[in-house]
C-alpha atoms as a PDB file:
ATOM      1  CA  UNK A   1      71.008  26.581 -63.659  1.00  0.00           C
ATOM      2  CA  UNK A   2      72.774  27.891 -66.982  1.00  0.00           C
ATOM      3  CA  UNK A   3      72.161  31.884 -66.235  1.00  0.00           C
ATOM      4  CA  UNK A   4      74.480  33.097 -69.414  1.00  0.00           C
ATOM      5  CA  UNK A   5      71.958  30.116 -72.167  1.00  0.00           C
ATOM      6  CA  UNK A   6      68.821  31.712 -69.809  1.00  0.00           C
ATOM      7  CA  UNK A   7      70.617  35.773 -71.311  1.00  0.00           C
ATOM      8  CA  UNK A   8      71.157  34.445 -74.665  1.00  0.00           C
ATOM      9  CA  UNK A   9      68.574  36.327 -76.755  1.00  0.00           C
ATOM     10  CA  UNK A  10      65.482  34.817 -77.098  1.00  0.00           C
ATOM     11  CA  UNK A  11      64.447  33.169 -80.284  1.00  0.00           C
ATOM     12  CA  UNK A  12      67.850  31.848 -80.332  1.00  0.00           C
ATOM     13  CA  UNK A  13      67.430  30.521 -76.534  1.00  0.00           C
ATOM     14  CA  UNK A  14      63.909  29.185 -78.370  1.00  0.00           C
ATOM     15  CA  UNK A  15      65.506  27.393 -81.337  1.00  0.00           C
ATOM     16  CA  UNK A  16      67.583  25.876 -79.018  1.00  0.00           C
ATOM     17  CA  UNK A  17      65.476  24.136 -77.123  1.00  0.00           C
ATOM     18  CA  UNK A  18      62.718  23.610 -79.443  1.00  0.00           C
ATOM     19  CA  UNK A  19      65.571  21.780 -81.609  1.00  0.00           C
ATOM     20  CA  UNK A  20      66.607  19.459 -78.597  1.00  0.00           C
ATOM     21  CA  UNK A  21      63.459  18.724 -76.515  1.00  0.00           C
ATOM     22  CA  UNK A  22      62.937  17.451 -79.944  1.00  0.00           C
ATOM     23  CA  UNK A  23      65.200  15.300 -81.082  1.00  0.00           C
ATOM     24  CA  UNK A  24      65.614  13.998 -77.352  1.00  0.00           C
ATOM     25  CA  UNK A  25      62.255  13.102 -78.058  1.00  0.00           C
ATOM     26  CA  UNK A  26      62.133  11.583 -81.325  1.00  0.00           C
ATOM     27  CA  UNK A  27      65.224   9.550 -80.095  1.00  0.00           C
ATOM     28  CA  UNK A  28      65.363   9.181 -76.299  1.00  0.00           C
ATOM     29  CA  UNK A  29      68.520   9.984 -74.248  1.00  0.00           C
ATOM     30  CA  UNK A  30      71.046   7.644 -75.538  1.00  0.00           C
ATOM     31  CA  UNK A  31      70.464   8.581 -79.348  1.00  0.00           C
ATOM     32  CA  UNK A  32      69.449  12.193 -79.081  1.00  0.00           C
ATOM     33  CA  UNK A  33      72.813  13.541 -81.485  1.00  0.00           C
ATOM     34  CA  UNK A  34      74.248  17.177 -81.313  1.00  0.00           C
ATOM     35  CA  UNK A  35      74.020  16.938 -85.096  1.00  0.00           C
ATOM     36  CA  UNK A  36      71.372  16.854 -85.265  1.00  0.00           C
ATOM     37  CA  UNK A  37      70.638  20.053 -82.803  1.00  0.00           C
ATOM     38  CA  UNK A  38      72.306  21.937 -84.400  1.00  0.00           C
ATOM     39  CA  UNK A  39      72.025  21.312 -87.843  1.00  0.00           C
ATOM     40  CA  UNK A  40      67.722  22.354 -86.947  1.00  0.00           C
ATOM     41  CA  UNK A  41      68.354  24.845 -84.771  1.00  0.00           C
ATOM     42  CA  UNK A  42      70.809  26.972 -87.612  1.00  0.00           C
ATOM     43  CA  UNK A  43      73.423  27.522 -85.191  1.00  0.00           C
ATOM     44  CA  UNK A  44      77.279  26.330 -84.689  1.00  0.00           C
ATOM     45  CA  UNK A  45      78.233  23.198 -82.331  1.00  0.00           C
ATOM     46  CA  UNK A  46      80.540  25.472 -80.764  1.00  0.00           C
ATOM     47  CA  UNK A  47      77.730  27.856 -79.765  1.00  0.00           C
ATOM     48  CA  UNK A  48      76.441  24.978 -77.813  1.00  0.00           C
ATOM     49  CA  UNK A  49      78.998  23.275 -76.442  1.00  0.00           C
ATOM     50  CA  UNK A  50      79.717  26.597 -74.869  1.00  0.00           C
ATOM     51  CA  UNK A  51      76.598  27.024 -72.842  1.00  0.00           C
ATOM     52  CA  UNK A  52      76.409  22.814 -72.501  1.00  0.00           C
ATOM     53  CA  UNK A  53      80.159  21.272 -71.655  1.00  0.00           C
ATOM     54  CA  UNK A  54      78.626  18.112 -72.913  1.00  0.00           C
ATOM     55  CA  UNK A  55      75.066  16.405 -74.372  1.00  0.00           C
ATOM     56  CA  UNK A  56      73.935  15.301 -70.071  1.00  0.00           C
ATOM     57  CA  UNK A  57      74.029  19.134 -69.150  1.00  0.00           C
ATOM     58  CA  UNK A  58      72.039  20.142 -72.140  1.00  0.00           C
ATOM     59  CA  UNK A  59      69.110  17.551 -70.983  1.00  0.00           C
ATOM     60  CA  UNK A  60      69.185  18.171 -67.737  1.00  0.00           C
ATOM     61  CA  UNK A  61      68.510  21.796 -68.073  1.00  0.00           C
ATOM     62  CA  UNK A  62      65.572  20.909 -70.853  1.00  0.00           C
ATOM     63  CA  UNK A  63      64.770  18.344 -67.589  1.00  0.00           C
ATOM     64  CA  UNK A  64      65.260  21.777 -64.986  1.00  0.00           C
ATOM     65  CA  UNK A  65      63.143  24.143 -67.960  1.00  0.00           C
ATOM     66  CA  UNK A  66      60.585  21.409 -68.780  1.00  0.00           C
ATOM     67  CA  UNK A  67      59.286  21.388 -65.318  1.00  0.00           C
ATOM     68  CA  UNK A  68      59.066  25.133 -64.078  1.00  0.00           C
ATOM     69  CA  UNK A  69      57.277  25.595 -67.362  1.00  0.00           C
ATOM     70  CA  UNK A  70      54.817  22.368 -66.790  1.00  0.00           C
ATOM     71  CA  UNK A  71      54.422  23.961 -63.080  1.00  0.00           C
ATOM     72  CA  UNK A  72      53.450  27.144 -64.876  1.00  0.00           C
ATOM     73  CA  UNK A  73      52.048  25.919 -67.002  1.00  0.00           C
ATOM     74  CA  UNK A  74      49.249  23.107 -66.336  1.00  0.00           C
ATOM     75  CA  UNK A  75      50.294  22.957 -62.465  1.00  0.00           C
ATOM     76  CA  UNK A  76      48.670  25.897 -61.600  1.00  0.00           C
ATOM     77  CA  UNK A  77      45.840  26.390 -64.134  1.00  0.00           C
ATOM     78  CA  UNK A  78      44.254  23.313 -62.190  1.00  0.00           C
ATOM     79  CA  UNK A  79      41.658  24.430 -60.298  1.00  0.00           C
ATOM     80  CA  UNK A  80      41.554  23.185 -57.021  1.00  0.00           C
ATOM     81  CA  UNK A  81      38.089  24.431 -55.422  1.00  0.00           C
ATOM     82  CA  UNK A  82      36.220  22.496 -57.811  1.00  0.00           C
ATOM     83  CA  UNK A  83      34.047  20.154 -55.246  1.00  0.00           C
ATOM     84  CA  UNK A  84      33.236  17.108 -57.985  1.00  0.00           C
ATOM     85  CA  UNK A  85      36.028  14.933 -57.693  1.00  0.00           C
ATOM     86  CA  UNK A  86      35.386  13.517 -61.983  1.00  0.00           C
ATOM     87  CA  UNK A  87      35.281  16.547 -63.110  1.00  0.00           C
ATOM     88  CA  UNK A  88      38.275  18.340 -61.330  1.00  0.00           C
ATOM     89  CA  UNK A  89      39.992  14.446 -63.322  1.00  0.00           C
ATOM     90  CA  UNK A  90      37.906  15.971 -66.936  1.00  0.00           C
ATOM     91  CA  UNK A  91      39.388  19.840 -66.097  1.00  0.00           C
ATOM     92  CA  UNK A  92      43.314  18.082 -65.428  1.00  0.00           C
ATOM     93  CA  UNK A  93      42.276  15.910 -69.097  1.00  0.00           C
ATOM     94  CA  UNK A  94      41.503  19.400 -71.198  1.00  0.00           C
ATOM     95  CA  UNK A  95      44.214  21.408 -69.253  1.00  0.00           C
ATOM     96  CA  UNK A  96      46.114  18.674 -69.996  1.00  0.00           C
ATOM     97  CA  UNK A  97      45.747  18.476 -73.905  1.00  0.00           C
ATOM     98  CA  UNK A  98      45.312  21.836 -74.399  1.00  0.00           C
ATOM     99  CA  UNK A  99      48.703  22.326 -73.439  1.00  0.00           C
ATOM    100  CA  UNK A 100      50.189  19.432 -74.917  1.00  0.00           C
ATOM    101  CA  UNK A 101      48.894  20.836 -78.640  1.00  0.00           C
ATOM    102  CA  UNK A 102      50.777  23.677 -78.284  1.00  0.00           C
ATOM    103  CA  UNK A 103      54.026  23.294 -75.947  1.00  0.00           C
ATOM    104  CA  UNK A 104      53.901  19.283 -78.135  1.00  0.00           C
ATOM    105  CA  UNK A 105      58.400  19.044 -77.849  1.00  0.00           C
ATOM    106  CA  UNK A 106      57.552  19.003 -74.193  1.00  0.00           C
ATOM    107  CA  UNK A 107      55.771  16.546 -72.737  1.00  0.00           C
ATOM    108  CA  UNK A 108      57.007  14.354 -75.703  1.00  0.00           C
ATOM    109  CA  UNK A 109      60.146  15.130 -73.932  1.00  0.00           C
ATOM    110  CA  UNK A 110      59.915  14.752 -70.827  1.00  0.00           C
ATOM    111  CA  UNK A 111      57.691  11.715 -70.866  1.00  0.00           C
ATOM    112  CA  UNK A 112      60.836  10.349 -72.947  1.00  0.00           C
ATOM    113  CA  UNK A 113      62.725  11.101 -70.060  1.00  0.00           C
ATOM    114  CA  UNK A 114      60.877  10.096 -66.766  1.00  0.00           C
ATOM    115  CA  UNK A 115      59.618   6.642 -68.573  1.00  0.00           C
ATOM    116  CA  UNK A 116      62.712   5.433 -70.479  1.00  0.00           C
ATOM    117  CA  UNK A 117      64.499   5.797 -67.457  1.00  0.00           C
ATOM    118  CA  UNK A 118      67.739   6.626 -69.946  1.00  0.00           C
ATOM    119  CA  UNK A 119      69.687   9.701 -67.510  1.00  0.00           C
ATOM    120  CA  UNK A 120      70.174   9.488 -64.396  1.00  0.00           C
ATOM    121  CA  UNK A 121      69.016  13.059 -62.401  1.00  0.00           C
ATOM    122  CA  UNK A 122      71.492  14.070 -59.540  1.00  0.00           C
ATOM    123  CA  UNK A 123      69.253  15.036 -56.792  1.00  0.00           C
ATOM    124  CA  UNK A 124      67.373  18.080 -56.685  1.00  0.00           C
ATOM    125  CA  UNK A 125      66.675  16.963 -59.396  1.00  0.00           C
ATOM    126  CA  UNK A 126      64.344  14.243 -58.778  1.00  0.00           C
ATOM    127  CA  UNK A 127      63.590  16.214 -55.502  1.00  0.00           C
ATOM    128  CA  UNK A 128      61.358  18.666 -58.181  1.00  0.00           C
ATOM    129  CA  UNK A 129      60.105  15.529 -60.024  1.00  0.00           C
ATOM    130  CA  UNK A 130      58.917  14.017 -57.103  1.00  0.00           C
ATOM    131  CA  UNK A 131      58.113  17.703 -55.422  1.00  0.00           C
ATOM    132  CA  UNK A 132      55.309  17.783 -59.127  1.00  0.00           C
ATOM    133  CA  UNK A 133      53.779  14.241 -58.033  1.00  0.00           C
ATOM    134  CA  UNK A 134      53.110  14.641 -54.453  1.00  0.00           C
ATOM    135  CA  UNK A 135      51.289  18.716 -55.855  1.00  0.00           C
ATOM    136  CA  UNK A 136      50.001  16.495 -58.893  1.00  0.00           C
ATOM    137  CA  UNK A 137      48.303  14.671 -56.243  1.00  0.00           C
ATOM    138  CA  UNK A 138      47.271  17.262 -53.931  1.00  0.00           C
ATOM    139  CA  UNK A 139      45.028  18.928 -57.205  1.00  0.00           C
ATOM    140  CA  UNK A 140      43.432  15.141 -57.371  1.00  0.00           C
ATOM    141  CA  UNK A 141      41.993  14.200 -53.746  1.00  0.00           C
ATOM    142  CA  UNK A 142      42.359  17.728 -51.453  1.00  0.00           C
ATOM    143  CA  UNK A 143      38.727  18.755 -50.846  1.00  0.00           C
ATOM    144  CA  UNK A 144      36.725  16.514 -53.141  1.00  0.00           C
ATOM    145  CA  UNK A 145      32.540  16.211 -51.816  1.00  0.00           C
ATOM    146  CA  UNK A 146      31.346  13.072 -51.580  1.00  0.00           C
ATOM    147  CA  UNK A 147      27.781  14.033 -51.234  1.00  0.00           C
ATOM    148  CA  UNK A 148      27.411  14.126 -55.309  1.00  0.00           C
ATOM    149  CA  UNK A 149      28.288   9.645 -54.913  1.00  0.00           C
ATOM    150  CA  UNK A 150      24.645   8.262 -54.011  1.00  0.00           C
ATOM    151  CA  UNK A 151      22.541   7.170 -50.952  1.00  0.00           C
ATOM    152  CA  UNK A 152      22.907   3.575 -51.494  1.00  0.00           C
ATOM    153  CA  UNK A 153      26.466   3.297 -51.263  1.00  0.00           C
ATOM    154  CA  UNK A 154      30.172   3.813 -49.350  1.00  0.00           C
ATOM    155  CA  UNK A 155      30.697   6.923 -50.350  1.00  0.00           C
ATOM    156  CA  UNK A 156      34.512   6.905 -48.997  1.00  0.00           C
ATOM    157  CA  UNK A 157      34.691   3.969 -49.664  1.00  0.00           C
ATOM    158  CA  UNK A 158      33.105   4.504 -53.804  1.00  0.00           C
ATOM    159  CA  UNK A 159      35.705   7.918 -53.349  1.00  0.00           C
ATOM    160  CA  UNK A 160      39.107   5.214 -53.390  1.00  0.00           C
ATOM    161  CA  UNK A 161      37.694   3.199 -56.177  1.00  0.00           C
ATOM    162  CA  UNK A 162      37.450   5.473 -58.521  1.00  0.00           C
ATOM    163  CA  UNK A 163      41.244   7.262 -56.530  1.00  0.00           C
ATOM    164  CA  UNK A 164      41.897   3.775 -57.956  1.00  0.00           C
ATOM    165  CA  UNK A 165      41.155   3.078 -60.681  1.00  0.00           C
ATOM    166  CA  UNK A 166      42.374   6.577 -62.003  1.00  0.00           C
ATOM    167  CA  UNK A 167      45.772   5.452 -60.621  1.00  0.00           C
ATOM    168  CA  UNK A 168      45.541   2.251 -62.477  1.00  0.00           C
ATOM    169  CA  UNK A 169      44.442   4.006 -65.515  1.00  0.00           C
ATOM    170  CA  UNK A 170      47.238   5.363 -65.576  1.00  0.00           C
ATOM    171  CA  UNK A 171      49.364   3.208 -64.897  1.00  0.00           C
ATOM    172  CA  UNK A 172      48.179   0.693 -67.587  1.00  0.00           C
ATOM    173  CA  UNK A 173      48.851   4.191 -70.242  1.00  0.00           C
ATOM    174  CA  UNK A 174      52.394   4.146 -69.169  1.00  0.00           C
ATOM    175  CA  UNK A 175      53.836   0.461 -69.404  1.00  0.00           C
ATOM    176  CA  UNK A 176      51.811   0.833 -72.934  1.00  0.00           C
ATOM    177  CA  UNK A 177      53.366   4.181 -74.005  1.00  0.00           C
ATOM    178  CA  UNK A 178      56.848   3.627 -72.475  1.00  0.00           C
ATOM    179  CA  UNK A 179      58.909   2.423 -75.225  1.00  0.00           C
ATOM    180  CA  UNK A 180      56.468   3.986 -77.925  1.00  0.00           C
ATOM    181  CA  UNK A 181      58.535   7.046 -79.331  1.00  0.00           C
ATOM    182  CA  UNK A 182      56.081  10.066 -77.937  1.00  0.00           C
ATOM    183  CA  UNK A 183      56.960  12.045 -80.008  1.00  0.00           C
ATOM    184  CA  UNK A 184      54.625  10.813 -82.911  1.00  0.00           C
ATOM    185  CA  UNK A 185      52.513   8.767 -81.172  1.00  0.00           C
ATOM    186  CA  UNK A 186      49.474   9.439 -81.488  1.00  0.00           C
ATOM    187  CA  UNK A 187      47.603  10.089 -77.769  1.00  0.00           C
ATOM    188  CA  UNK A 188      44.126  11.275 -79.494  1.00  0.00           C
ATOM    189  CA  UNK A 189      42.640   7.456 -78.798  1.00  0.00           C
ATOM    190  CA  UNK A 190      43.583   7.794 -74.930  1.00  0.00           C
ATOM    191  CA  UNK A 191      41.462  10.749 -74.482  1.00  0.00           C
ATOM    192  CA  UNK A 192      38.513  10.127 -75.505  1.00  0.00           C
ATOM    193  CA  UNK A 193      39.588   6.120 -74.096  1.00  0.00           C
ATOM    194  CA  UNK A 194      39.555   7.967 -70.593  1.00  0.00           C
ATOM    195  CA  UNK A 195      36.682  10.017 -71.186  1.00  0.00           C
ATOM    196  CA  UNK A 196      34.586   7.228 -71.816  1.00  0.00           C
ATOM    197  CA  UNK A 197      35.738   5.075 -68.383  1.00  0.00           C
ATOM    198  CA  UNK A 198      34.861   8.959 -66.409  1.00  0.00           C
ATOM    199  CA  UNK A 199      31.433   8.400 -68.246  1.00  0.00           C
ATOM    200  CA  UNK A 200      31.310   4.878 -66.378  1.00  0.00           C
ATOM    201  CA  UNK A 201      32.426   6.144 -63.072  1.00  0.00           C
ATOM    202  CA  UNK A 202      29.044   8.810 -63.114  1.00  0.00           C
ATOM    203  CA  UNK A 203      26.885   6.485 -64.606  1.00  0.00           C
ATOM    204  CA  UNK A 204      28.168   4.536 -61.539  1.00  0.00           C
ATOM    205  CA  UNK A 205      29.167   6.924 -58.263  1.00  0.00           C
ATOM    206  CA  UNK A 206      26.890   9.596 -58.929  1.00  0.00           C
ATOM    207  CA  UNK A 207      22.996  10.752 -57.476  1.00  0.00           C
ATOM    208  CA  UNK A 208      21.098  10.424 -60.922  1.00  0.00           C
ATOM    209  CA  UNK A 209      20.865  13.222 -62.650  1.00  0.00           C
ATOM    210  CA  UNK A 210      24.019  14.889 -60.632  1.00  0.00           C
ATOM    211  CA  UNK A 211      27.176  15.725 -61.562  1.00  0.00           C
ATOM    212  CA  UNK A 212      26.415  14.914 -65.009  1.00  0.00           C
ATOM    213  CA  UNK A 213      29.029  16.034 -67.655  1.00  0.00           C
END
């Protein structure tokens, strides 16, 4: 997508990308200002519109770019050979946290675009996003060792309860932050909350002394 822009001097390209990510993340699609983007990027407005016809084309480029970066920097780093479901959940959370620290504008931007539904995506980008969600589900639940669960409970049902608990937590979290400014939003308390829930799940479902955090 937009090979001409991709061939731009890397330092200048990154300045434009970061300025645009920040502006969209802070203000959403509708209120994002291309004037502010070019100001923060230190370029002329004519240069921006040389590479992108309009704000929508720029935003769609960033979404595609963001999904590709997320695939490489997040999804591909998860160890799906880890058989302990809760440990895999913790690993995913830690990778995501580290990624957020390195790329705060990127995650804030993607969250804003996908949670607030201000921009209708073309079919190819929607399919790309849906494919990433499917891969994420595979990362979470494939090849899990349920023998770590207590002997006095139905392990398959316990596994389902953990799945539903984490999915329900995720959905609740999305609703809580849906209309927040994700660029300035403090996520630290939510990571602490996540680990509290993980500890409770282990205490509830795992054999004593096994699979401890």
